[in-house]
């Protein structure tokens, strides 16, 4: 779930995500749709949410995103290690979200790792960093 820390008007201006394509890979319908709504309100082009690696790979093949927001533990106990590796190989920035305190990822595999409930200000800061890194690469 998204923690409701509504940004003040100055933060909203900085959080403009117009033209940024983001895929949401999250097995919780409530969290996935909340993320989608929040990101669209900030101008992002959002695909998903999807709950499995197979669904994510199908959408990515159709519309390559700049950033992927990935729940580490997906539907049916599937872990996102392989998906995160493939996203990195394609130059797609990854923000991992998880309900667990520790996410077993090698350094550099994710632009950010955020713990659920995701705090909006932290998500926006991670997205700004990820999109800035994407445009400078």
C-alpha atoms as a PDB file:
ATOM      1  CA  UNK A   1       0.000   0.000   0.000  1.00  0.00           C
ATOM      2  CA  UNK A   2       1.118   3.568  -0.637  1.00  0.00           C
ATOM      3  CA  UNK A   3       1.615   5.634   2.478  1.00  0.00           C
ATOM      4  CA  UNK A   4      -0.261   8.884   1.947  1.00  0.00           C
ATOM      5  CA  UNK A   5       2.328  11.601   2.218  1.00  0.00           C
ATOM      6  CA  UNK A   6       0.812  14.016  -0.279  1.00  0.00           C
ATOM      7  CA  UNK A   7       3.554  16.243  -1.683  1.00  0.00           C
ATOM      8  CA  UNK A   8       3.287  19.957  -1.266  1.00  0.00           C
ATOM      9  CA  UNK A   9       2.878  22.024  -4.474  1.00  0.00           C
ATOM     10  CA  UNK A  10       6.633  22.597  -4.851  1.00  0.00           C
ATOM     11  CA  UNK A  11       7.312  18.838  -4.621  1.00  0.00           C
ATOM     12  CA  UNK A  12       4.536  18.135  -7.148  1.00  0.00           C
ATOM     13  CA  UNK A  13       6.189  20.416  -9.700  1.00  0.00           C
ATOM     14  CA  UNK A  14       9.479  18.578  -9.255  1.00  0.00           C
ATOM     15  CA  UNK A  15       7.671  15.238  -9.446  1.00  0.00           C
ATOM     16  CA  UNK A  16       6.379  15.734 -12.987  1.00  0.00           C
ATOM     17  CA  UNK A  17       6.789  12.371 -14.692  1.00  0.00           C
ATOM     18  CA  UNK A  18       5.330  13.402 -18.049  1.00  0.00           C
ATOM     19  CA  UNK A  19       6.560  11.171 -20.829  1.00  0.00           C
ATOM     20  CA  UNK A  20       8.198   8.641 -18.500  1.00  0.00           C
ATOM     21  CA  UNK A  21       7.006   5.093 -19.200  1.00  0.00           C
ATOM     22  CA  UNK A  22       6.907   2.997 -16.025  1.00  0.00           C
ATOM     23  CA  UNK A  23       5.900  -0.636 -15.626  1.00  0.00           C
ATOM     24  CA  UNK A  24       4.438  -1.759 -12.311  1.00  0.00           C
ATOM     25  CA  UNK A  25       5.143  -5.394 -11.421  1.00  0.00           C
ATOM     26  CA  UNK A  26       3.264  -6.129  -8.213  1.00  0.00           C
ATOM     27  CA  UNK A  27       1.221  -9.160  -7.181  1.00  0.00           C
ATOM     28  CA  UNK A  28      -1.043  -7.265  -4.778  1.00  0.00           C
ATOM     29  CA  UNK A  29      -3.891  -5.800  -6.826  1.00  0.00           C
ATOM     30  CA  UNK A  30      -4.497  -3.003  -4.298  1.00  0.00           C
ATOM     31  CA  UNK A  31      -0.874  -1.898  -4.211  1.00  0.00           C
ATOM     32  CA  UNK A  32      -0.450  -2.195  -7.977  1.00  0.00           C
ATOM     33  CA  UNK A  33      -3.529  -0.132  -8.794  1.00  0.00           C
ATOM     34  CA  UNK A  34      -2.652   2.467  -6.147  1.00  0.00           C
ATOM     35  CA  UNK A  35       0.827   2.846  -7.661  1.00  0.00           C
ATOM     36  CA  UNK A  36      -0.637   3.101 -11.155  1.00  0.00           C
ATOM     37  CA  UNK A  37      -3.108   5.818 -10.106  1.00  0.00           C
ATOM     38  CA  UNK A  38      -0.458   7.763  -8.247  1.00  0.00           C
ATOM     39  CA  UNK A  39       2.044   7.637 -11.116  1.00  0.00           C
ATOM     40  CA  UNK A  40      -0.556   8.569 -13.734  1.00  0.00           C
ATOM     41  CA  UNK A  41      -1.589  11.565 -11.611  1.00  0.00           C
ATOM     42  CA  UNK A  42       2.031  12.720 -11.897  1.00  0.00           C
ATOM     43  CA  UNK A  43       1.943  12.373 -15.685  1.00  0.00           C
ATOM     44  CA  UNK A  44       3.688   9.020 -16.123  1.00  0.00           C
ATOM     45  CA  UNK A  45       2.732   6.585 -18.875  1.00  0.00           C
ATOM     46  CA  UNK A  46       2.075   3.478 -16.764  1.00  0.00           C
ATOM     47  CA  UNK A  47       1.823  -0.101 -17.993  1.00  0.00           C
ATOM     48  CA  UNK A  48       0.593  -2.822 -15.705  1.00  0.00           C
ATOM     49  CA  UNK A  49       0.251  -3.692 -12.989  1.00  0.00           C
ATOM     50  CA  UNK A  50       1.168  -7.294 -13.668  1.00  0.00           C
ATOM     51  CA  UNK A  51       1.779 -10.022 -11.090  1.00  0.00           C
ATOM     52  CA  UNK A  52       4.272 -12.416 -12.728  1.00  0.00           C
ATOM     53  CA  UNK A  53       7.539 -12.401 -14.622  1.00  0.00           C
ATOM     54  CA  UNK A  54       5.860 -13.811 -17.750  1.00  0.00           C
ATOM     55  CA  UNK A  55       3.242 -11.034 -17.786  1.00  0.00           C
ATOM     56  CA  UNK A  56       5.954  -8.419 -17.211  1.00  0.00           C
ATOM     57  CA  UNK A  57       8.128  -9.708 -20.046  1.00  0.00           C
ATOM     58  CA  UNK A  58       5.148  -9.677 -22.429  1.00  0.00           C
ATOM     59  CA  UNK A  59       4.389  -6.021 -21.633  1.00  0.00           C
ATOM     60  CA  UNK A  60       8.048  -5.006 -21.803  1.00  0.00           C
ATOM     61  CA  UNK A  61       8.318  -6.575 -25.276  1.00  0.00           C
ATOM     62  CA  UNK A  62       5.315  -4.477 -26.395  1.00  0.00           C
ATOM     63  CA  UNK A  63       6.269  -1.167 -24.734  1.00  0.00           C
ATOM     64  CA  UNK A  64       9.781  -0.742 -23.350  1.00  0.00           C
ATOM     65  CA  UNK A  65       9.643   1.259 -20.108  1.00  0.00           C
ATOM     66  CA  UNK A  66      12.297   3.604 -18.762  1.00  0.00           C
ATOM     67  CA  UNK A  67      11.712   2.412 -15.194  1.00  0.00           C
ATOM     68  CA  UNK A  68      10.288  -0.747 -13.613  1.00  0.00           C
ATOM     69  CA  UNK A  69       8.807  -0.786 -10.136  1.00  0.00           C
ATOM     70  CA  UNK A  70       9.182  -4.414  -9.095  1.00  0.00           C
ATOM     71  CA  UNK A  71       7.829  -6.231  -6.063  1.00  0.00           C
ATOM     72  CA  UNK A  72      10.573  -8.684  -5.144  1.00  0.00           C
ATOM     73  CA  UNK A  73       8.148 -11.482  -4.209  1.00  0.00           C
ATOM     74  CA  UNK A  74       5.646 -12.077  -6.987  1.00  0.00           C
ATOM     75  CA  UNK A  75       2.584 -14.292  -7.399  1.00  0.00           C
ATOM     76  CA  UNK A  76       2.971 -17.922  -6.414  1.00  0.00           C
ATOM     77  CA  UNK A  77       6.196 -17.344  -4.484  1.00  0.00           C
ATOM     78  CA  UNK A  78       8.098 -16.329  -7.621  1.00  0.00           C
ATOM     79  CA  UNK A  79      11.171 -14.219  -6.834  1.00  0.00           C
ATOM     80  CA  UNK A  80      12.157 -11.403  -9.183  1.00  0.00           C
ATOM     81  CA  UNK A  81      15.936 -12.098  -9.410  1.00  0.00           C
ATOM     82  CA  UNK A  82      15.904 -13.198 -13.058  1.00  0.00           C
ATOM     83  CA  UNK A  83      13.470 -10.485 -14.113  1.00  0.00           C
ATOM     84  CA  UNK A  84      15.593  -7.795 -12.457  1.00  0.00           C
ATOM     85  CA  UNK A  85      18.682  -9.128 -14.262  1.00  0.00           C
ATOM     86  CA  UNK A  86      16.865  -8.994 -17.633  1.00  0.00           C
ATOM     87  CA  UNK A  87      15.595  -5.471 -16.932  1.00  0.00           C
ATOM     88  CA  UNK A  88      19.143  -4.347 -16.161  1.00  0.00           C
ATOM     89  CA  UNK A  89      20.431  -6.032 -19.328  1.00  0.00           C
ATOM     90  CA  UNK A  90      17.893  -3.967 -21.318  1.00  0.00           C
ATOM     91  CA  UNK A  91      18.929  -0.703 -19.638  1.00  0.00           C
ATOM     92  CA  UNK A  92      15.651  -0.393 -17.736  1.00  0.00           C
ATOM     93  CA  UNK A  93      16.115   1.217 -14.311  1.00  0.00           C
ATOM     94  CA  UNK A  94      14.680  -0.875 -11.457  1.00  0.00           C
ATOM     95  CA  UNK A  95      13.072   0.246  -8.217  1.00  0.00           C
ATOM     96  CA  UNK A  96      12.388  -2.727  -5.950  1.00  0.00           C
ATOM     97  CA  UNK A  97       9.597  -2.697  -3.387  1.00  0.00           C
ATOM     98  CA  UNK A  98       9.224  -5.352  -0.718  1.00  0.00           C
ATOM     99  CA  UNK A  99       7.477  -6.116   2.524  1.00  0.00           C
ATOM    100  CA  UNK A 100      10.655  -7.725   3.823  1.00  0.00           C
ATOM    101  CA  UNK A 101      13.397  -5.914   5.727  1.00  0.00           C
ATOM    102  CA  UNK A 102      16.174  -7.556   3.717  1.00  0.00           C
ATOM    103  CA  UNK A 103      16.073  -8.092  -0.044  1.00  0.00           C
ATOM    104  CA  UNK A 104      18.804 -10.454  -1.292  1.00  0.00           C
ATOM    105  CA  UNK A 105      20.019  -8.413  -4.267  1.00  0.00           C
ATOM    106  CA  UNK A 106      23.568  -7.749  -5.325  1.00  0.00           C
ATOM    107  CA  UNK A 107      24.665  -4.098  -5.123  1.00  0.00           C
ATOM    108  CA  UNK A 108      23.848  -2.091  -8.236  1.00  0.00           C
ATOM    109  CA  UNK A 109      20.925  -4.294  -9.323  1.00  0.00           C
ATOM    110  CA  UNK A 110      18.349  -1.686  -8.255  1.00  0.00           C
ATOM    111  CA  UNK A 111      18.280   2.107  -8.345  1.00  0.00           C
ATOM    112  CA  UNK A 112      16.441   1.913  -5.004  1.00  0.00           C
ATOM    113  CA  UNK A 113      14.932  -0.631  -2.641  1.00  0.00           C
ATOM    114  CA  UNK A 114      11.851   0.626  -0.826  1.00  0.00           C
ATOM    115  CA  UNK A 115      10.026  -1.112   1.970  1.00  0.00           C
ATOM    116  CA  UNK A 116       6.249  -1.462   2.023  1.00  0.00           C
ATOM    117  CA  UNK A 117       4.205   0.450   2.815  1.00  0.00           C
ATOM    118  CA  UNK A 118       5.887   2.673   0.256  1.00  0.00           C
ATOM    119  CA  UNK A 119       6.163   6.284   1.353  1.00  0.00           C
ATOM    120  CA  UNK A 120       5.222   8.549  -1.546  1.00  0.00           C
ATOM    121  CA  UNK A 121       8.086  10.995  -0.962  1.00  0.00           C
ATOM    122  CA  UNK A 122      10.619   8.129  -1.037  1.00  0.00           C
ATOM    123  CA  UNK A 123       9.097   6.711  -4.207  1.00  0.00           C
ATOM    124  CA  UNK A 124       9.201  10.098  -5.924  1.00  0.00           C
ATOM    125  CA  UNK A 125      12.817  10.653  -4.862  1.00  0.00           C
ATOM    126  CA  UNK A 126      13.751   7.196  -6.210  1.00  0.00           C
ATOM    127  CA  UNK A 127      11.932   7.893  -9.495  1.00  0.00           C
ATOM    128  CA  UNK A 128      13.697  11.243  -9.891  1.00  0.00           C
ATOM    129  CA  UNK A 129      17.075   9.565  -9.359  1.00  0.00           C
ATOM    130  CA  UNK A 130      16.227   6.683 -11.694  1.00  0.00           C
ATOM    131  CA  UNK A 131      14.960   8.927 -14.500  1.00  0.00           C
ATOM    132  CA  UNK A 132      17.918  11.287 -14.101  1.00  0.00           C
ATOM    133  CA  UNK A 133      20.320   8.336 -14.341  1.00  0.00           C
ATOM    134  CA  UNK A 134      18.440   7.041 -17.396  1.00  0.00           C
ATOM    135  CA  UNK A 135      18.755  10.363 -19.244  1.00  0.00           C
ATOM    136  CA  UNK A 136      22.477  10.674 -18.455  1.00  0.00           C
ATOM    137  CA  UNK A 137      23.375   7.190 -19.682  1.00  0.00           C
END
